[in-house]
Amino acid sequence: MDNNYKILYEDAEQKCIMFSFDDESHEDSFLSVNQYLIVKNGAGLLIDPGSEAIFNELYDAVSEHVEIQNIEYIFFSHQDPDVSGSIAQWSVSTKAKIIMSSLWVRFMSHYGFSEMNRVIILEDKGKKLEFGDDFIEFIPAHFLHSPGNFSLYDEKSKILFSGDIGAAIVSSPEPYKKVGNFDKHKEYLLAFHKRYMGSNKLCQAWVSRVKKIDVSIIAPQHGFVFENENVHLFLEWLNDLECGSDFIDELY
């Protein structure tokens, strides 16, 4: 189990853990996928727990850090199956409140989940939620790439869990990699962001919002983590990126 996680932040009250579990039956189409857990005074917040295929492995890994019945919240940044495919299993295995965009609530029955009284709905502008003595904040990231998409900011650790923003197409299944040379890393970012992010205007809106908070780490759902100076370098790169509808003439 030690090879399957990395602690991104830890103090006397809280720790933030990064996991990297993938469906090994699809090695020919491998895409590094990250899952995250915040534990604060024994209570858990699970972030983008992933597909049905990895549920058992992730369940065992998470239970090494928090009692499963003490998971208070499970956050789904958007609706993709590599984010939300295991919602039915986690809803049965925990008593957690499920946090998601208002746009995706109507689709949850298709994932085998129907307990709408357990859902905390995020309206488009996002919200803050008390977690222990601190707050977590849900930051709008619409059309980056999902129409109803949010990033999660933990004010204690100063980690921004960014979902597909910052995702890199890499083939390394190792549980933790941080970006080294940003100029070299850009080649793993470009194709994905150019096609999956909505437009430069939307990128700029997200970057402008993120610059208002103090971010020490950007932790995406795929690929490597951005730390220190690379946080700034990534934000500047994304702010200038042409993507999505900026290339509409090439697509139609």
Protein backbone atom coordinates (compact mmCIF):
# COMPACT_ATOMS: atom_id res chain seq x y z
CA MET A 1 0.00 0.00 0.00
CA ASP A 2 2.90 2.36 0.66
CA ASN A 3 3.59 2.55 -3.08
CA ASN A 4 0.11 3.81 -3.89
CA TYR A 5 -0.06 7.17 -2.16
CA LYS A 6 1.80 10.37 -1.43
CA ILE A 7 1.09 12.80 1.41
CA LEU A 8 0.94 16.30 -0.07
CA TYR A 9 0.37 18.09 3.23
CA GLU A 10 0.36 17.13 6.90
CA ASP A 11 0.12 18.88 10.26
CA ALA A 12 -1.23 17.95 13.69
CA GLU A 13 -4.86 18.20 12.55
CA GLN A 14 -4.93 17.52 8.83
CA LYS A 15 -3.34 15.64 5.99
CA CYS A 16 -3.95 15.62 2.24
CA ILE A 17 -3.21 12.39 0.38
CA MET A 18 -2.81 11.71 -3.33
CA PHE A 19 -3.54 8.26 -4.78
CA SER A 20 -2.96 7.02 -8.32
CA PHE A 21 -5.10 4.00 -9.15
CA ASP A 22 -5.94 2.94 -12.70
CA ASP A 23 -7.83 0.15 -14.40
CA GLU A 24 -4.92 -2.18 -15.18
CA SER A 25 -7.03 -4.14 -17.66
CA HIS A 26 -6.74 -1.20 -20.08
CA GLU A 27 -2.98 -0.75 -20.16
CA ASP A 28 -3.05 -0.17 -23.92
CA SER A 29 -5.00 3.07 -23.34
CA PHE A 30 -3.35 4.02 -20.07
CA LEU A 31 -4.01 7.48 -18.67
CA SER A 32 -2.57 8.33 -15.28
CA VAL A 33 -5.47 9.10 -12.92
CA ASN A 34 -5.20 10.72 -9.49
CA GLN A 35 -7.62 10.55 -6.57
CA TYR A 36 -7.38 12.69 -3.43
CA LEU A 37 -8.35 12.53 0.24
CA ILE A 38 -8.37 15.23 2.91
CA VAL A 39 -8.48 14.00 6.52
CA LYS A 40 -9.15 16.58 9.23
CA ASN A 41 -9.41 15.50 12.87
CA GLY A 42 -10.50 12.03 11.79
CA ALA A 43 -13.11 13.17 9.26
CA GLY A 44 -12.64 12.57 5.54
CA LEU A 45 -13.32 14.37 2.29
CA LEU A 46 -12.81 12.21 -0.82
CA ILE A 47 -12.15 14.00 -4.12
CA ASP A 48 -12.88 12.51 -7.57
CA PRO A 49 -12.74 8.85 -6.47
CA GLY A 50 -12.84 7.53 -10.01
CA SER A 51 -14.25 4.56 -11.84
CA GLU A 52 -15.99 1.41 -10.71
CA ALA A 53 -12.93 -0.61 -11.76
CA ILE A 54 -10.67 0.89 -9.06
CA PHE A 55 -13.20 1.01 -6.23
CA ASN A 56 -11.85 -1.95 -4.21
CA GLU A 57 -8.23 -0.82 -4.40
CA LEU A 58 -9.04 2.77 -3.52
CA TYR A 59 -11.36 1.71 -0.69
CA ASP A 60 -8.55 -0.28 0.90
CA ALA A 61 -6.07 2.56 0.42
CA VAL A 62 -8.41 5.20 1.85
CA SER A 63 -9.16 3.01 4.89
CA GLU A 64 -5.46 3.18 5.78
CA HIS A 65 -5.92 6.89 6.49
CA VAL A 66 -9.50 7.33 7.71
CA GLU A 67 -12.36 5.15 8.93
CA ILE A 68 -14.62 4.71 5.92
CA GLN A 69 -17.69 5.60 7.97
CA ASN A 70 -15.98 8.88 8.91
CA ILE A 71 -15.92 10.11 5.32
CA GLU A 72 -18.22 13.14 5.57
CA TYR A 73 -18.09 14.37 1.99
CA ILE A 74 -17.37 13.01 -1.48
CA PHE A 75 -16.79 15.64 -4.16
CA PHE A 76 -17.21 15.04 -7.89
CA SER A 77 -15.68 17.85 -9.93
CA HIS A 78 -17.62 16.79 -13.04
CA GLN A 79 -19.55 13.88 -14.53
CA ASP A 80 -16.94 11.83 -16.42
CA PRO A 81 -16.75 8.12 -15.51
CA ASP A 82 -13.08 8.40 -14.49
CA VAL A 83 -14.34 10.86 -11.86
CA SER A 84 -17.81 9.58 -10.97
CA GLY A 85 -18.09 5.98 -12.13
CA SER A 86 -17.90 4.57 -8.60
CA ILE A 87 -20.57 6.81 -7.08
CA ALA A 88 -22.95 3.92 -6.42
CA GLN A 89 -20.31 1.89 -4.54
CA TRP A 90 -19.18 4.83 -2.43
CA SER A 91 -22.77 5.82 -1.62
CA VAL A 92 -23.46 2.32 -0.30
CA SER A 93 -20.16 2.06 1.57
CA THR A 94 -20.37 5.44 3.32
CA LYS A 95 -22.87 7.86 4.82
CA ALA A 96 -21.12 10.76 3.09
CA LYS A 97 -22.81 13.78 1.59
CA ILE A 98 -22.27 13.89 -2.17
CA ILE A 99 -21.16 17.26 -3.62
CA MET A 100 -21.72 18.04 -7.30
CA SER A 101 -22.86 20.66 -9.78
CA SER A 102 -26.58 21.29 -10.12
CA LEU A 103 -26.24 20.35 -13.80
CA TRP A 104 -25.40 16.71 -13.07
CA VAL A 105 -27.92 15.79 -10.39
CA ARG A 106 -30.49 14.60 -12.94
CA PHE A 107 -28.00 12.11 -14.41
CA MET A 108 -27.11 10.35 -11.16
CA SER A 109 -29.71 7.62 -11.52
CA HIS A 110 -27.76 6.45 -14.58
CA TYR A 111 -24.83 5.82 -12.24
CA GLY A 112 -27.06 3.79 -9.92
CA PHE A 113 -27.44 6.57 -7.33
CA SER A 114 -30.84 7.91 -6.30
CA GLU A 115 -30.49 9.25 -2.71
CA MET A 116 -30.95 12.90 -3.60
CA ASN A 117 -31.34 13.86 0.06
CA ARG A 118 -27.61 13.20 0.43
CA VAL A 119 -26.58 15.60 -2.35
CA ILE A 120 -25.09 19.04 -1.72
CA ILE A 121 -25.82 20.93 -4.92
CA LEU A 122 -23.33 23.49 -6.22
CA GLU A 123 -24.89 26.39 -8.10
CA ASP A 124 -22.86 28.01 -10.86
CA LYS A 125 -21.08 30.60 -8.68
CA GLY A 126 -19.75 27.92 -6.30
CA LYS A 127 -19.74 28.08 -2.52
CA LYS A 128 -17.72 27.73 0.66
CA LEU A 129 -18.29 24.82 3.00
CA GLU A 130 -17.13 24.51 6.59
CA PHE A 131 -14.88 21.52 7.16
CA GLY A 132 -13.58 21.28 10.71
CA ASP A 133 -12.34 24.69 11.82
CA ASP A 134 -11.52 25.74 8.27
CA PHE A 135 -13.24 26.06 4.92
CA ILE A 136 -13.12 24.38 1.57
CA GLU A 137 -14.17 26.43 -1.43
CA PHE A 138 -15.71 25.27 -4.70
CA ILE A 139 -14.42 27.48 -7.50
CA PRO A 140 -16.27 27.67 -10.84
CA ALA A 141 -14.39 26.04 -13.71
CA HIS A 142 -17.22 25.78 -16.22
CA PHE A 143 -16.43 24.40 -19.69
CA LEU A 144 -12.91 23.50 -18.49
CA HIS A 145 -13.85 21.03 -19.76
CA SER A 146 -17.32 20.24 -18.43
CA PRO A 147 -20.30 22.67 -18.58
CA GLY A 148 -20.82 22.08 -14.85
CA ASN A 149 -17.31 21.89 -13.45
CA PHE A 150 -15.66 23.00 -10.20
CA SER A 151 -12.22 23.09 -8.65
CA LEU A 152 -11.84 22.58 -4.90
CA TYR A 153 -9.59 24.78 -2.76
CA ASP A 154 -8.57 23.77 0.75
CA GLU A 155 -7.65 26.91 2.69
CA LYS A 156 -5.60 25.07 5.33
CA SER A 157 -3.18 23.26 3.01
CA LYS A 158 -3.49 25.86 0.21
CA ILE A 159 -3.95 23.04 -2.29
CA LEU A 160 -6.15 23.59 -5.33
CA PHE A 161 -7.64 20.32 -6.58
CA SER A 162 -8.17 21.30 -10.20
CA GLY A 163 -9.78 18.29 -11.88
CA ASP A 164 -8.92 18.18 -15.58
CA ILE A 165 -7.31 21.63 -15.52
CA GLY A 166 -3.59 20.98 -15.54
CA ALA A 167 -4.05 17.40 -16.71
CA ALA A 168 -1.06 15.94 -18.50
CA ILE A 169 -1.09 13.01 -20.91
CA VAL A 170 1.67 10.90 -19.40
CA SER A 171 2.21 7.16 -19.24
CA SER A 172 3.78 6.91 -15.78
CA PRO A 173 1.63 4.93 -13.30
CA GLU A 174 3.76 6.06 -10.34
CA PRO A 175 1.68 7.43 -7.45
CA TYR A 176 3.33 10.84 -7.33
CA LYS A 177 5.17 13.03 -9.77
CA LYS A 178 5.68 16.74 -9.50
CA VAL A 179 6.43 18.96 -12.47
CA GLY A 180 10.13 19.70 -12.79
CA ASN A 181 10.99 21.77 -15.84
CA PHE A 182 7.76 23.49 -16.87
CA ASP A 183 8.94 24.22 -20.40
CA LYS A 184 9.44 20.50 -20.98
CA HIS A 185 6.15 19.62 -19.27
CA LYS A 186 4.13 21.86 -21.60
CA GLU A 187 4.33 19.27 -24.36
CA TYR A 188 2.25 16.91 -22.19
CA LEU A 189 -0.33 19.62 -21.48
CA LEU A 190 -0.92 21.19 -24.87
CA ALA A 191 -2.90 18.63 -26.88
CA PHE A 192 -5.31 17.87 -24.04
CA HIS A 193 -5.96 21.49 -23.08
CA LYS A 194 -6.23 22.70 -26.68
CA ARG A 195 -9.07 20.26 -27.38
CA TYR A 196 -10.81 19.83 -24.00
CA MET A 197 -10.81 23.37 -22.59
CA GLY A 198 -13.67 25.58 -23.83
CA SER A 199 -11.88 28.77 -24.91
CA ASN A 200 -9.18 31.22 -23.93
CA LYS A 201 -11.81 33.51 -22.42
CA LEU A 202 -12.91 30.72 -20.07
CA CYS A 203 -9.30 29.93 -19.14
CA GLN A 204 -8.72 33.57 -18.30
CA ALA A 205 -11.82 33.68 -16.09
CA TRP A 206 -10.61 30.69 -14.07
CA VAL A 207 -7.05 32.00 -13.77
CA SER A 208 -8.33 35.38 -12.62
CA ARG A 209 -10.40 33.70 -9.91
CA VAL A 210 -7.54 31.45 -8.78
CA LYS A 211 -5.13 34.39 -8.49
CA LYS A 212 -7.33 35.78 -5.72
CA ILE A 213 -6.44 32.89 -3.41
CA ASP A 214 -3.12 31.69 -1.99
CA VAL A 215 -2.23 28.48 -3.84
CA SER A 216 0.85 26.44 -2.95
CA ILE A 217 -0.01 23.32 -5.00
CA ILE A 218 -2.23 22.64 -8.01
CA ALA A 219 -3.23 18.96 -7.98
CA PRO A 220 -4.94 17.81 -11.21
CA GLN A 221 -6.86 14.59 -11.83
CA HIS A 222 -4.37 13.36 -14.43
CA GLY A 223 -0.60 13.54 -14.48
CA PHE A 224 1.75 15.60 -12.32
CA VAL A 225 1.37 18.07 -9.46
CA PHE A 226 2.43 21.72 -9.78
CA GLU A 227 4.35 23.19 -6.83
CA ASN A 228 6.04 26.49 -5.98
CA GLU A 229 7.08 28.49 -9.06
CA ASN A 230 5.39 26.01 -11.38
CA VAL A 231 2.00 27.09 -10.01
CA HIS A 232 2.62 30.57 -11.36
CA LEU A 233 4.10 29.31 -14.63
CA PHE A 234 1.11 27.06 -15.28
CA LEU A 235 -1.39 29.84 -14.57
CA GLU A 236 0.38 32.19 -16.94
CA TRP A 237 0.52 29.50 -19.63
CA LEU A 238 -3.18 28.72 -19.27
CA ASN A 239 -4.10 32.39 -19.27
CA ASP A 240 -2.53 32.79 -22.72
CA LEU A 241 -3.69 29.47 -24.17
CA GLU A 242 -5.82 29.37 -27.29
CA CYS A 243 -8.13 26.37 -27.09
CA GLY A 244 -11.58 24.96 -27.80
CA SER A 245 -13.78 27.40 -29.69
CA ASP A 246 -10.72 29.55 -30.55
CA PHE A 247 -10.08 26.86 -33.19
CA ILE A 248 -13.64 26.55 -34.45
CA ASP A 249 -12.62 26.99 -38.10
CA GLU A 250 -10.37 23.94 -37.83
CA LEU A 251 -13.17 21.81 -36.39
CA TYR A 252 -16.00 22.58 -38.81
